[in-house]
Amino acid sequence: MFYPKYPQWELHIYGDGPAAKDIHENGVICHGFQQPEVISDAMHKARFLMLPSRNEHWGLVVCEAAQAGCGLLLSSAVGSHEDLLTKENGRLFAPRSVHQIDAAMQWAVCLASEELRGMESKSRALGYCFTPVAWAHTMKRILADCDARNLH
């Protein structure tokens, strides 16, 4: 559905899931397992992260992609969509819904340059809410609250 309309776009798949060996489509490039440095470099070059998971409790890769400025095309089964996805930086689709995945991809390719810049900024802003320093400050606030309430 998508590739014939937009042959200039490529889908790069990273990882060695059980279905990877069965993917032989035009415009789809399977990289297999890669080291974190390669994944990081790919995210910084990419416009979007698509994660069509059927079950993904939070999905750290989504936070990493947001911090890299990627737009997010996520399945509703990805738990982090509640924290990292807005209508400004991506689209949500139902797991296994080919129609909704296609619609999300169609939305992505139709964005103007200005919209892409806004998407990148929004993703980065949301992604950087979840850093080790941010978590340390949150933990300090929780501990201070426990101390104040004598909840040791």
Protein backbone atom coordinates (compact mmCIF):
# COMPACT_ATOMS: atom_id res chain seq x y z
CA MET A 1 0.00 0.00 0.00
CA PHE A 2 2.62 2.55 1.05
CA TYR A 3 5.70 1.82 -1.05
CA PRO A 4 4.13 2.18 -4.52
CA LYS A 5 3.00 5.72 -3.62
CA TYR A 6 6.26 6.74 -1.91
CA PRO A 7 9.15 4.73 -3.36
CA GLN A 8 11.65 7.36 -2.15
CA TRP A 9 10.90 6.42 1.49
CA GLU A 10 12.62 3.45 3.09
CA LEU A 11 11.71 1.49 6.19
CA HIS A 12 14.77 0.38 8.15
CA ILE A 13 14.19 -2.46 10.59
CA TYR A 14 16.67 -3.09 13.41
CA GLY A 15 16.60 -6.28 15.47
CA ASP A 16 16.28 -9.99 14.97
CA GLY A 17 12.66 -10.75 15.72
CA PRO A 18 11.19 -14.07 14.61
CA ALA A 19 9.52 -12.55 11.52
CA ALA A 20 12.64 -10.73 10.26
CA LYS A 21 13.70 -13.59 7.98
CA ASP A 22 10.32 -13.45 6.23
CA ILE A 23 10.55 -9.78 5.20
CA HIS A 24 11.39 -9.36 1.51
CA GLU A 25 9.65 -6.18 0.41
CA ASN A 26 10.71 -3.26 -1.77
CA GLY A 27 11.74 -0.29 0.35
CA VAL A 28 12.31 -2.39 3.49
CA ILE A 29 15.87 -2.82 4.72
CA CYS A 30 16.52 -5.28 7.55
CA HIS A 31 19.69 -4.57 9.50
CA GLY A 32 19.36 -7.36 12.06
CA PHE A 33 20.88 -7.02 15.52
CA GLN A 34 23.08 -3.93 15.87
CA GLN A 35 25.19 -2.47 18.65
CA PRO A 36 23.79 0.54 20.58
CA GLU A 37 26.14 2.99 18.82
CA VAL A 38 24.73 1.96 15.43
CA ILE A 39 21.15 2.30 16.68
CA SER A 40 21.89 5.73 18.15
CA ASP A 41 23.42 6.91 14.87
CA ALA A 42 20.43 5.58 12.92
CA MET A 43 17.98 7.39 15.24
CA HIS A 44 19.78 10.69 14.78
CA LYS A 45 19.51 10.29 10.99
CA ALA A 46 15.88 9.12 11.02
CA ARG A 47 12.74 11.24 10.86
CA PHE A 48 10.49 8.73 12.63
CA LEU A 49 10.47 5.73 14.91
CA MET A 50 7.72 3.23 14.21
CA LEU A 51 7.05 0.72 16.97
CA PRO A 52 4.11 -1.56 16.08
CA SER A 53 4.41 -3.68 19.25
CA ARG A 54 1.57 -5.85 20.43
CA ASN A 55 2.81 -5.59 24.02
CA GLU A 56 5.41 -3.05 25.18
CA HIS A 57 5.16 -1.96 28.81
CA TRP A 58 7.08 1.31 28.43
CA GLY A 59 9.53 1.05 25.56
CA LEU A 60 12.81 2.80 26.37
CA VAL A 61 13.55 2.95 22.64
CA VAL A 62 10.67 5.43 22.31
CA CYS A 63 12.29 7.78 24.83
CA GLU A 64 15.65 7.44 23.08
CA ALA A 65 14.07 8.20 19.70
CA ALA A 66 12.22 11.21 21.12
CA GLN A 67 15.46 12.55 22.57
CA ALA A 68 17.01 12.17 19.09
CA GLY A 69 14.16 14.28 17.66
CA CYS A 70 12.30 11.49 15.89
CA GLY A 71 8.59 11.67 15.29
CA LEU A 72 6.77 8.74 16.85
CA LEU A 73 4.45 6.28 15.11
CA LEU A 74 3.40 3.97 17.93
CA SER A 75 1.02 1.15 18.60
CA SER A 76 -1.43 1.79 21.42
CA ALA A 77 0.19 -1.21 23.15
CA VAL A 78 3.36 0.84 23.75
CA GLY A 79 3.00 2.11 27.32
CA SER A 80 5.23 5.15 26.89
CA HIS A 81 2.85 6.65 24.33
CA GLU A 82 0.99 8.24 27.24
CA ASP A 83 4.13 10.16 28.27
CA LEU A 84 5.89 10.79 24.97
CA LEU A 85 3.32 11.05 22.19
CA THR A 86 1.10 13.99 21.29
CA LYS A 87 -0.65 14.96 18.06
CA GLU A 88 2.25 17.36 17.50
CA ASN A 89 4.96 14.71 17.34
CA GLY A 90 3.37 11.53 16.07
CA ARG A 91 0.46 9.20 15.63
CA LEU A 92 -1.02 6.28 17.52
CA PHE A 93 -2.43 3.19 15.85
CA ALA A 94 -4.04 -0.06 16.94
CA PRO A 95 -1.75 -3.09 17.04
CA ARG A 96 -2.10 -5.21 13.89
CA SER A 97 -4.21 -2.59 12.09
CA VAL A 98 -2.62 -2.36 8.65
CA HIS A 99 -5.03 0.44 7.75
CA GLN A 100 -4.12 2.55 10.80
CA ILE A 101 -0.38 1.91 10.35
CA ASP A 102 -0.67 3.00 6.72
CA ALA A 103 -2.60 6.12 7.78
CA ALA A 104 0.14 7.01 10.30
CA MET A 105 2.80 6.61 7.62
CA GLN A 106 0.73 8.70 5.16
CA TRP A 107 0.49 11.44 7.80
CA ALA A 108 4.27 11.34 8.29
CA VAL A 109 5.18 11.76 4.63
CA CYS A 110 2.79 14.68 4.17
CA LEU A 111 4.35 16.90 6.85
CA ALA A 112 5.84 20.18 5.68
CA SER A 113 9.36 21.20 6.74
CA GLU A 114 8.02 23.58 9.39
CA GLU A 115 5.82 20.83 10.84
CA LEU A 116 8.79 18.44 10.91
CA ARG A 117 10.85 20.98 12.87
CA GLY A 118 8.00 21.43 15.35
CA MET A 119 7.66 17.66 15.67
CA GLU A 120 11.38 17.29 16.37
CA SER A 121 11.26 20.00 19.04
CA LYS A 122 8.20 18.50 20.73
CA SER A 123 9.73 15.01 20.75
CA ARG A 124 12.99 16.28 22.24
CA ALA A 125 11.18 18.30 24.91
CA LEU A 126 9.09 15.31 25.98
CA GLY A 127 12.01 12.86 25.72
CA TYR A 128 14.26 14.92 27.96
CA CYS A 129 11.69 14.80 30.75
CA PHE A 130 12.97 11.24 31.26
CA THR A 131 16.69 11.49 32.00
CA PRO A 132 18.69 10.07 34.92
CA VAL A 133 18.88 13.59 36.41
CA ALA A 134 15.11 14.06 36.10
CA TRP A 135 14.51 10.69 37.78
CA ALA A 136 16.99 11.58 40.57
CA HIS A 137 15.08 14.83 41.27
CA THR A 138 11.80 12.91 41.31
CA MET A 139 13.23 10.36 43.75
CA LYS A 140 14.51 13.16 46.01
CA ARG A 141 11.02 14.72 46.06
CA ILE A 142 9.44 11.36 46.91
CA LEU A 143 11.94 10.72 49.72
CA ALA A 144 11.48 14.24 51.10
CA ASP A 145 7.71 13.71 51.08
CA CYS A 146 8.15 10.40 52.91
CA ASP A 147 10.38 12.10 55.49
CA ALA A 148 7.85 14.91 55.96
CA ARG A 149 5.12 12.35 56.62
CA ASN A 150 7.35 10.09 58.76
CA LEU A 151 6.97 7.22 56.27
CA HIS A 152 10.37 5.58 56.75
